[in-house]
Amino acid sequence: MQIDIVVSKTSGLPIYEQIKAQLKAAILLGHIAEGEALPSIRGLARDLQVSIITTTRAYSDLAAEGLVTNVPGKGSYVLPRNAELVRERVLREIEEHFAEAVTQARLVDLSAAELHAVLDAALTPSTEQEQS
């Protein structure tokens, strides 16, 4: 299994969050199959040139979200996915992001119509995305 994880030390997002988000996306998209082992915590830390504590936190968060299980002495493995449970979890995350967006929009007196326009723009694929 080859997983390309890219971390940025200047993104403002903690590195463990970057790792977690990329692994989570790979799992949810099926790029990492159910039952498949994730890279070892130490190996991933070495490859990404980050601390073992950082990769451990990312894996622990994935386990807390029910996406992987950590087997002592053997590694971390992708758990079987309940499609409805995954959908509900993702929907909850989307709702949290929308709530934050509404809070930010209110700070600058953005109207509902303007906020809808932002969402519509985000939903409309750009020419660049269509070509990939």
N, C-alpha and C. Protein backbone atom coordinates (compact mmCIF):
# COMPACT_ATOMS: atom_id res chain seq x y z
N MET A 1 0.84 -1.17 0.00
CA MET A 1 0.00 0.00 0.00
C MET A 1 0.89 1.24 0.00
N GLN A 2 0.59 2.14 -0.88
CA GLN A 2 1.33 3.39 -0.97
C GLN A 2 0.38 4.54 -0.66
N ILE A 3 0.65 5.25 0.42
CA ILE A 3 -0.15 6.41 0.79
C ILE A 3 0.78 7.62 0.73
N ASP A 4 0.39 8.59 -0.06
CA ASP A 4 1.18 9.81 -0.14
C ASP A 4 0.59 10.84 0.80
N ILE A 5 1.28 11.08 1.90
CA ILE A 5 0.85 12.08 2.87
C ILE A 5 1.81 13.25 2.76
N VAL A 6 1.24 14.42 2.64
CA VAL A 6 2.04 15.64 2.53
C VAL A 6 1.69 16.53 3.71
N VAL A 7 2.71 16.96 4.43
CA VAL A 7 2.48 17.87 5.55
C VAL A 7 3.16 19.20 5.28
N SER A 8 2.53 20.24 5.77
CA SER A 8 3.07 21.58 5.63
C SER A 8 3.27 22.16 7.03
N LYS A 9 4.46 22.60 7.30
CA LYS A 9 4.74 23.19 8.60
C LYS A 9 4.27 24.64 8.67
N THR A 10 3.80 25.18 7.54
CA THR A 10 3.36 26.58 7.51
C THR A 10 1.85 26.73 7.27
N SER A 11 1.11 25.62 7.27
CA SER A 11 -0.31 25.70 6.93
C SER A 11 -1.17 26.28 8.04
N GLY A 12 -0.67 26.28 9.27
CA GLY A 12 -1.48 26.75 10.38
C GLY A 12 -2.28 25.63 11.03
N LEU A 13 -2.42 24.51 10.32
CA LEU A 13 -3.13 23.34 10.85
C LEU A 13 -2.09 22.43 11.49
N PRO A 14 -2.34 21.95 12.71
CA PRO A 14 -1.35 21.06 13.35
C PRO A 14 -1.02 19.87 12.44
N ILE A 15 0.21 19.44 12.49
CA ILE A 15 0.66 18.35 11.63
C ILE A 15 -0.13 17.09 11.87
N TYR A 16 -0.45 16.76 13.13
CA TYR A 16 -1.21 15.54 13.39
C TYR A 16 -2.59 15.63 12.73
N GLU A 17 -3.17 16.84 12.67
CA GLU A 17 -4.47 17.02 12.01
C GLU A 17 -4.34 16.80 10.50
N GLN A 18 -3.24 17.26 9.93
CA GLN A 18 -3.01 17.07 8.50
C GLN A 18 -2.89 15.59 8.17
N ILE A 19 -2.14 14.88 9.00
CA ILE A 19 -1.97 13.43 8.80
C ILE A 19 -3.31 12.73 8.95
N LYS A 20 -4.02 13.05 10.02
CA LYS A 20 -5.32 12.42 10.27
C LYS A 20 -6.28 12.68 9.12
N ALA A 21 -6.36 13.91 8.66
CA ALA A 21 -7.30 14.26 7.58
C ALA A 21 -6.99 13.49 6.30
N GLN A 22 -5.72 13.36 5.97
CA GLN A 22 -5.35 12.66 4.74
C GLN A 22 -5.60 11.16 4.85
N LEU A 23 -5.29 10.59 6.00
CA LEU A 23 -5.58 9.16 6.20
C LEU A 23 -7.08 8.91 6.21
N LYS A 24 -7.82 9.78 6.88
CA LYS A 24 -9.28 9.65 6.95
C LYS A 24 -9.88 9.70 5.54
N ALA A 25 -9.43 10.65 4.74
CA ALA A 25 -9.93 10.75 3.37
C ALA A 25 -9.61 9.48 2.58
N ALA A 26 -8.40 8.97 2.73
CA ALA A 26 -8.01 7.74 2.02
C ALA A 26 -8.88 6.56 2.45
N ILE A 27 -9.21 6.50 3.73
CA ILE A 27 -10.05 5.41 4.24
C ILE A 27 -11.47 5.56 3.70
N LEU A 28 -12.04 6.77 3.82
CA LEU A 28 -13.42 6.98 3.40
C LEU A 28 -13.60 6.83 1.89
N LEU A 29 -12.57 7.16 1.13
CA LEU A 29 -12.63 7.01 -0.32
C LEU A 29 -12.32 5.58 -0.78
N GLY A 30 -11.93 4.73 0.17
CA GLY A 30 -11.63 3.35 -0.16
C GLY A 30 -10.24 3.11 -0.71
N HIS A 31 -9.37 4.11 -0.61
CA HIS A 31 -7.99 3.94 -1.08
C HIS A 31 -7.19 3.04 -0.14
N ILE A 32 -7.66 2.96 1.11
CA ILE A 32 -7.09 2.02 2.07
C ILE A 32 -8.24 1.08 2.42
N ALA A 33 -8.08 -0.17 2.10
CA ALA A 33 -9.16 -1.14 2.25
C ALA A 33 -9.38 -1.55 3.70
N GLU A 34 -10.60 -1.98 3.95
CA GLU A 34 -10.98 -2.53 5.25
C GLU A 34 -10.03 -3.68 5.59
N GLY A 35 -9.52 -3.67 6.82
CA GLY A 35 -8.60 -4.71 7.27
C GLY A 35 -7.15 -4.46 6.92
N GLU A 36 -6.90 -3.46 6.08
CA GLU A 36 -5.53 -3.16 5.66
C GLU A 36 -4.79 -2.41 6.77
N ALA A 37 -3.51 -2.71 6.90
CA ALA A 37 -2.69 -2.05 7.91
C ALA A 37 -2.27 -0.67 7.44
N LEU A 38 -2.26 0.28 8.37
CA LEU A 38 -1.71 1.60 8.08
C LEU A 38 -0.19 1.49 8.22
N PRO A 39 0.53 2.46 7.66
CA PRO A 39 1.98 2.45 7.88
C PRO A 39 2.27 2.48 9.39
N SER A 40 3.39 1.92 9.80
CA SER A 40 3.71 1.93 11.22
C SER A 40 3.88 3.38 11.69
N ILE A 41 3.58 3.59 12.95
CA ILE A 41 3.69 4.93 13.53
C ILE A 41 5.12 5.44 13.41
N ARG A 42 6.07 4.59 13.75
CA ARG A 42 7.47 5.00 13.67
C ARG A 42 7.92 5.23 12.23
N GLY A 43 7.50 4.34 11.33
CA GLY A 43 7.88 4.48 9.92
C GLY A 43 7.31 5.75 9.30
N LEU A 44 6.06 6.03 9.60
CA LEU A 44 5.43 7.23 9.07
C LEU A 44 6.10 8.48 9.64
N ALA A 45 6.40 8.46 10.93
CA ALA A 45 7.08 9.60 11.55
C ALA A 45 8.44 9.83 10.88
N ARG A 46 9.15 8.75 10.63
CA ARG A 46 10.46 8.85 9.97
C ARG A 46 10.31 9.41 8.55
N ASP A 47 9.35 8.86 7.79
CA ASP A 47 9.15 9.29 6.40
C ASP A 47 8.75 10.76 6.30
N LEU A 48 7.92 11.20 7.24
CA LEU A 48 7.43 12.58 7.21
C LEU A 48 8.34 13.54 7.97
N GLN A 49 9.34 12.98 8.64
CA GLN A 49 10.28 13.76 9.46
C GLN A 49 9.54 14.55 10.53
N VAL A 50 8.66 13.84 11.25
CA VAL A 50 7.93 14.42 12.37
C VAL A 50 8.14 13.51 13.58
N SER A 51 7.70 13.95 14.74
CA SER A 51 7.89 13.14 15.94
C SER A 51 6.90 11.97 15.97
N ILE A 52 7.29 10.95 16.68
CA ILE A 52 6.43 9.79 16.88
C ILE A 52 5.16 10.20 17.62
N ILE A 53 5.28 11.17 18.50
CA ILE A 53 4.12 11.67 19.24
C ILE A 53 3.07 12.23 18.27
N THR A 54 3.53 12.89 17.22
CA THR A 54 2.63 13.48 16.22
C THR A 54 1.84 12.40 15.49
N THR A 55 2.53 11.36 15.01
CA THR A 55 1.83 10.30 14.29
C THR A 55 0.96 9.49 15.24
N THR A 56 1.42 9.31 16.48
CA THR A 56 0.61 8.60 17.47
C THR A 56 -0.70 9.33 17.71
N ARG A 57 -0.66 10.65 17.80
CA ARG A 57 -1.88 11.45 18.02
C ARG A 57 -2.84 11.28 16.84
N ALA A 58 -2.32 11.33 15.62
CA ALA A 58 -3.17 11.17 14.44
C ALA A 58 -3.85 9.80 14.45
N TYR A 59 -3.11 8.76 14.74
CA TYR A 59 -3.66 7.40 14.76
C TYR A 59 -4.67 7.24 15.90
N SER A 60 -4.36 7.84 17.06
CA SER A 60 -5.28 7.76 18.20
C SER A 60 -6.60 8.45 17.87
N ASP A 61 -6.53 9.59 17.20
CA ASP A 61 -7.75 10.30 16.80
C ASP A 61 -8.57 9.48 15.81
N LEU A 62 -7.90 8.82 14.87
CA LEU A 62 -8.61 7.96 13.91
C LEU A 62 -9.29 6.79 14.63
N ALA A 63 -8.62 6.26 15.64
CA ALA A 63 -9.20 5.17 16.43
C ALA A 63 -10.41 5.67 17.21
N ALA A 64 -10.29 6.87 17.78
CA ALA A 64 -11.41 7.45 18.54
C ALA A 64 -12.62 7.70 17.65
N GLU A 65 -12.38 7.96 16.37
CA GLU A 65 -13.47 8.18 15.42
C GLU A 65 -14.02 6.87 14.87
N GLY A 66 -13.43 5.74 15.28
CA GLY A 66 -13.93 4.45 14.86
C GLY A 66 -13.51 4.03 13.46
N LEU A 67 -12.46 4.65 12.93
CA LEU A 67 -12.02 4.31 11.58
C LEU A 67 -10.94 3.24 11.58
N VAL A 68 -10.13 3.20 12.64
CA VAL A 68 -9.06 2.21 12.72
C VAL A 68 -9.05 1.60 14.11
N THR A 69 -8.39 0.48 14.20
CA THR A 69 -8.16 -0.13 15.51
C THR A 69 -6.66 -0.28 15.68
N ASN A 70 -6.19 -0.05 16.88
CA ASN A 70 -4.77 -0.19 17.19
C ASN A 70 -4.57 -1.53 17.90
N VAL A 71 -3.78 -2.40 17.28
CA VAL A 71 -3.50 -3.72 17.85
C VAL A 71 -2.10 -3.67 18.43
N PRO A 72 -1.98 -3.71 19.77
CA PRO A 72 -0.66 -3.61 20.40
C PRO A 72 0.33 -4.63 19.81
N GLY A 73 1.49 -4.10 19.44
CA GLY A 73 2.55 -4.95 18.90
C GLY A 73 2.38 -5.32 17.43
N LYS A 74 1.24 -4.98 16.84
CA LYS A 74 1.00 -5.35 15.44
C LYS A 74 0.77 -4.15 14.54
N GLY A 75 0.17 -3.08 15.06
CA GLY A 75 -0.06 -1.90 14.24
C GLY A 75 -1.51 -1.46 14.24
N SER A 76 -1.83 -0.59 13.31
CA SER A 76 -3.18 -0.03 13.19
C SER A 76 -3.81 -0.52 11.90
N TYR A 77 -5.07 -0.94 12.01
CA TYR A 77 -5.79 -1.52 10.88
C TYR A 77 -7.11 -0.81 10.65
N VAL A 78 -7.49 -0.69 9.38
CA VAL A 78 -8.75 -0.05 9.01
C VAL A 78 -9.90 -0.97 9.40
N LEU A 79 -10.86 -0.39 10.12
CA LEU A 79 -12.04 -1.14 10.55
C LEU A 79 -13.08 -1.21 9.44
N PRO A 80 -13.94 -2.23 9.47
CA PRO A 80 -15.05 -2.27 8.52
C PRO A 80 -15.91 -1.02 8.71
N ARG A 81 -16.39 -0.49 7.59
CA ARG A 81 -17.17 0.73 7.66
C ARG A 81 -18.65 0.45 7.55
N ASN A 82 -19.40 1.02 8.45
CA ASN A 82 -20.85 1.02 8.37
C ASN A 82 -21.20 2.28 7.59
N ALA A 83 -21.67 2.13 6.36
CA ALA A 83 -21.90 3.26 5.47
C ALA A 83 -22.80 4.32 6.11
N GLU A 84 -23.85 3.90 6.79
CA GLU A 84 -24.77 4.87 7.40
C GLU A 84 -24.10 5.62 8.54
N LEU A 85 -23.31 4.91 9.34
CA LEU A 85 -22.60 5.55 10.44
C LEU A 85 -21.58 6.55 9.91
N VAL A 86 -20.85 6.17 8.87
CA VAL A 86 -19.87 7.07 8.27
C VAL A 86 -20.58 8.31 7.72
N ARG A 87 -21.71 8.10 7.05
CA ARG A 87 -22.47 9.22 6.50
C ARG A 87 -22.91 10.17 7.60
N GLU A 88 -23.41 9.64 8.70
CA GLU A 88 -23.84 10.48 9.82
C GLU A 88 -22.68 11.25 10.42
N ARG A 89 -21.55 10.60 10.55
CA ARG A 89 -20.37 11.26 11.12
C ARG A 89 -19.91 12.41 10.22
N VAL A 90 -19.88 12.16 8.92
CA VAL A 90 -19.46 13.20 7.98
C VAL A 90 -20.48 14.34 7.96
N LEU A 91 -21.77 13.99 8.01
CA LEU A 91 -22.81 15.01 8.04
C LEU A 91 -22.66 15.90 9.27
N ARG A 92 -22.35 15.32 10.40
CA ARG A 92 -22.14 16.09 11.64
C ARG A 92 -20.97 17.05 11.47
N GLU A 93 -19.89 16.59 10.83
CA GLU A 93 -18.74 17.47 10.60
C GLU A 93 -19.11 18.61 9.67
N ILE A 94 -19.89 18.32 8.63
CA ILE A 94 -20.33 19.36 7.70
C ILE A 94 -21.17 20.40 8.44
N GLU A 95 -22.08 19.93 9.28
CA GLU A 95 -22.91 20.85 10.05
C GLU A 95 -22.06 21.76 10.93
N GLU A 96 -21.02 21.21 11.53
CA GLU A 96 -20.13 22.02 12.36
C GLU A 96 -19.41 23.08 11.53
N HIS A 97 -18.98 22.69 10.33
CA HIS A 97 -18.31 23.65 9.44
C HIS A 97 -19.28 24.75 9.00
N PHE A 98 -20.51 24.35 8.68
CA PHE A 98 -21.51 25.35 8.30
C PHE A 98 -21.79 26.31 9.45
N ALA A 99 -21.90 25.79 10.66
CA ALA A 99 -22.15 26.65 11.83
C ALA A 99 -21.02 27.66 11.99
N GLU A 100 -19.79 27.21 11.81
CA GLU A 100 -18.65 28.12 11.90
C GLU A 100 -18.70 29.15 10.77
N ALA A 101 -19.07 28.73 9.56
CA ALA A 101 -19.17 29.66 8.42
C ALA A 101 -20.24 30.72 8.69
N VAL A 102 -21.37 30.31 9.26
CA VAL A 102 -22.43 31.26 9.57
C VAL A 102 -21.95 32.26 10.62
N THR A 103 -21.23 31.77 11.62
CA THR A 103 -20.68 32.66 12.64
C THR A 103 -19.75 33.69 12.01
N GLN A 104 -18.88 33.25 11.12
CA GLN A 104 -17.96 34.16 10.44
C GLN A 104 -18.71 35.14 9.55
N ALA A 105 -19.74 34.65 8.84
CA ALA A 105 -20.53 35.51 7.95
C ALA A 105 -21.23 36.61 8.75
N ARG A 106 -21.71 36.28 9.92
CA ARG A 106 -22.40 37.27 10.76
C ARG A 106 -21.44 38.37 11.23
N LEU A 107 -20.18 38.02 11.39
CA LEU A 107 -19.19 39.02 11.83
C LEU A 107 -19.05 40.16 10.83
N VAL A 108 -19.30 39.84 9.56
CA VAL A 108 -19.15 40.86 8.51
C VAL A 108 -20.48 41.20 7.85
N ASP A 109 -21.58 40.87 8.54
CA ASP A 109 -22.93 41.18 8.06
C ASP A 109 -23.19 40.64 6.66
N LEU A 110 -22.71 39.44 6.38
CA LEU A 110 -22.99 38.80 5.10
C LEU A 110 -24.45 38.35 5.11
N SER A 111 -25.17 38.66 4.06
CA SER A 111 -26.58 38.27 3.99
C SER A 111 -26.71 36.78 3.69
N ALA A 112 -27.90 36.25 3.92
CA ALA A 112 -28.16 34.84 3.61
C ALA A 112 -27.93 34.58 2.12
N ALA A 113 -28.36 35.53 1.28
CA ALA A 113 -28.19 35.37 -0.17
C ALA A 113 -26.70 35.32 -0.53
N GLU A 114 -25.90 36.16 0.13
CA GLU A 114 -24.46 36.17 -0.15
C GLU A 114 -23.82 34.86 0.33
N LEU A 115 -24.27 34.38 1.46
CA LEU A 115 -23.74 33.12 1.99
C LEU A 115 -24.13 31.96 1.07
N HIS A 116 -25.36 31.97 0.58
CA HIS A 116 -25.79 30.94 -0.38
C HIS A 116 -24.95 31.01 -1.66
N ALA A 117 -24.61 32.22 -2.09
CA ALA A 117 -23.79 32.39 -3.29
C ALA A 117 -22.40 31.78 -3.08
N VAL A 118 -21.87 31.94 -1.87
CA VAL A 118 -20.56 31.34 -1.56
C VAL A 118 -20.66 29.82 -1.63
N LEU A 119 -21.73 29.27 -1.06
CA LEU A 119 -21.92 27.82 -1.10
C LEU A 119 -22.11 27.34 -2.53
N ASP A 120 -22.92 28.05 -3.31
CA ASP A 120 -23.13 27.68 -4.72
C ASP A 120 -21.81 27.68 -5.49
N ALA A 121 -20.98 28.68 -5.22
CA ALA A 121 -19.68 28.76 -5.89
C ALA A 121 -18.80 27.57 -5.49
N ALA A 122 -18.87 27.19 -4.23
CA ALA A 122 -18.07 26.05 -3.76
C ALA A 122 -18.56 24.75 -4.38
N LEU A 123 -19.86 24.66 -4.64
CA LEU A 123 -20.44 23.45 -5.23
C LEU A 123 -20.22 23.35 -6.73
N THR A 124 -19.94 24.48 -7.37
CA THR A 124 -19.75 24.49 -8.81
C THR A 124 -18.31 24.14 -9.12
N PRO A 125 -18.12 23.04 -9.87
CA PRO A 125 -16.74 22.64 -10.19
C PRO A 125 -16.08 23.68 -11.08
N SER A 126 -14.83 23.97 -10.75
CA SER A 126 -14.08 24.91 -11.59
C SER A 126 -13.61 24.20 -12.83
N THR A 127 -13.23 24.94 -13.82
CA THR A 127 -12.71 24.37 -15.07
C THR A 127 -11.50 23.51 -14.79
N GLU A 128 -10.66 23.94 -13.85
CA GLU A 128 -9.46 23.19 -13.50
C GLU A 128 -9.82 21.82 -12.92
N GLN A 129 -10.85 21.77 -12.02
CA GLN A 129 -11.26 20.50 -11.43
C GLN A 129 -11.85 19.58 -12.48
N GLU A 130 -12.62 20.14 -13.44
CA GLU A 130 -13.25 19.32 -14.45
C GLU A 130 -12.24 18.64 -15.35
N GLN A 131 -11.08 19.28 -15.52
CA GLN A 131 -10.06 18.74 -16.42
C GLN A 131 -9.21 17.66 -15.76
N SER A 132 -9.28 17.54 -14.43
CA SER A 132 -8.44 16.54 -13.76
C SER A 132 -9.11 15.20 -13.67
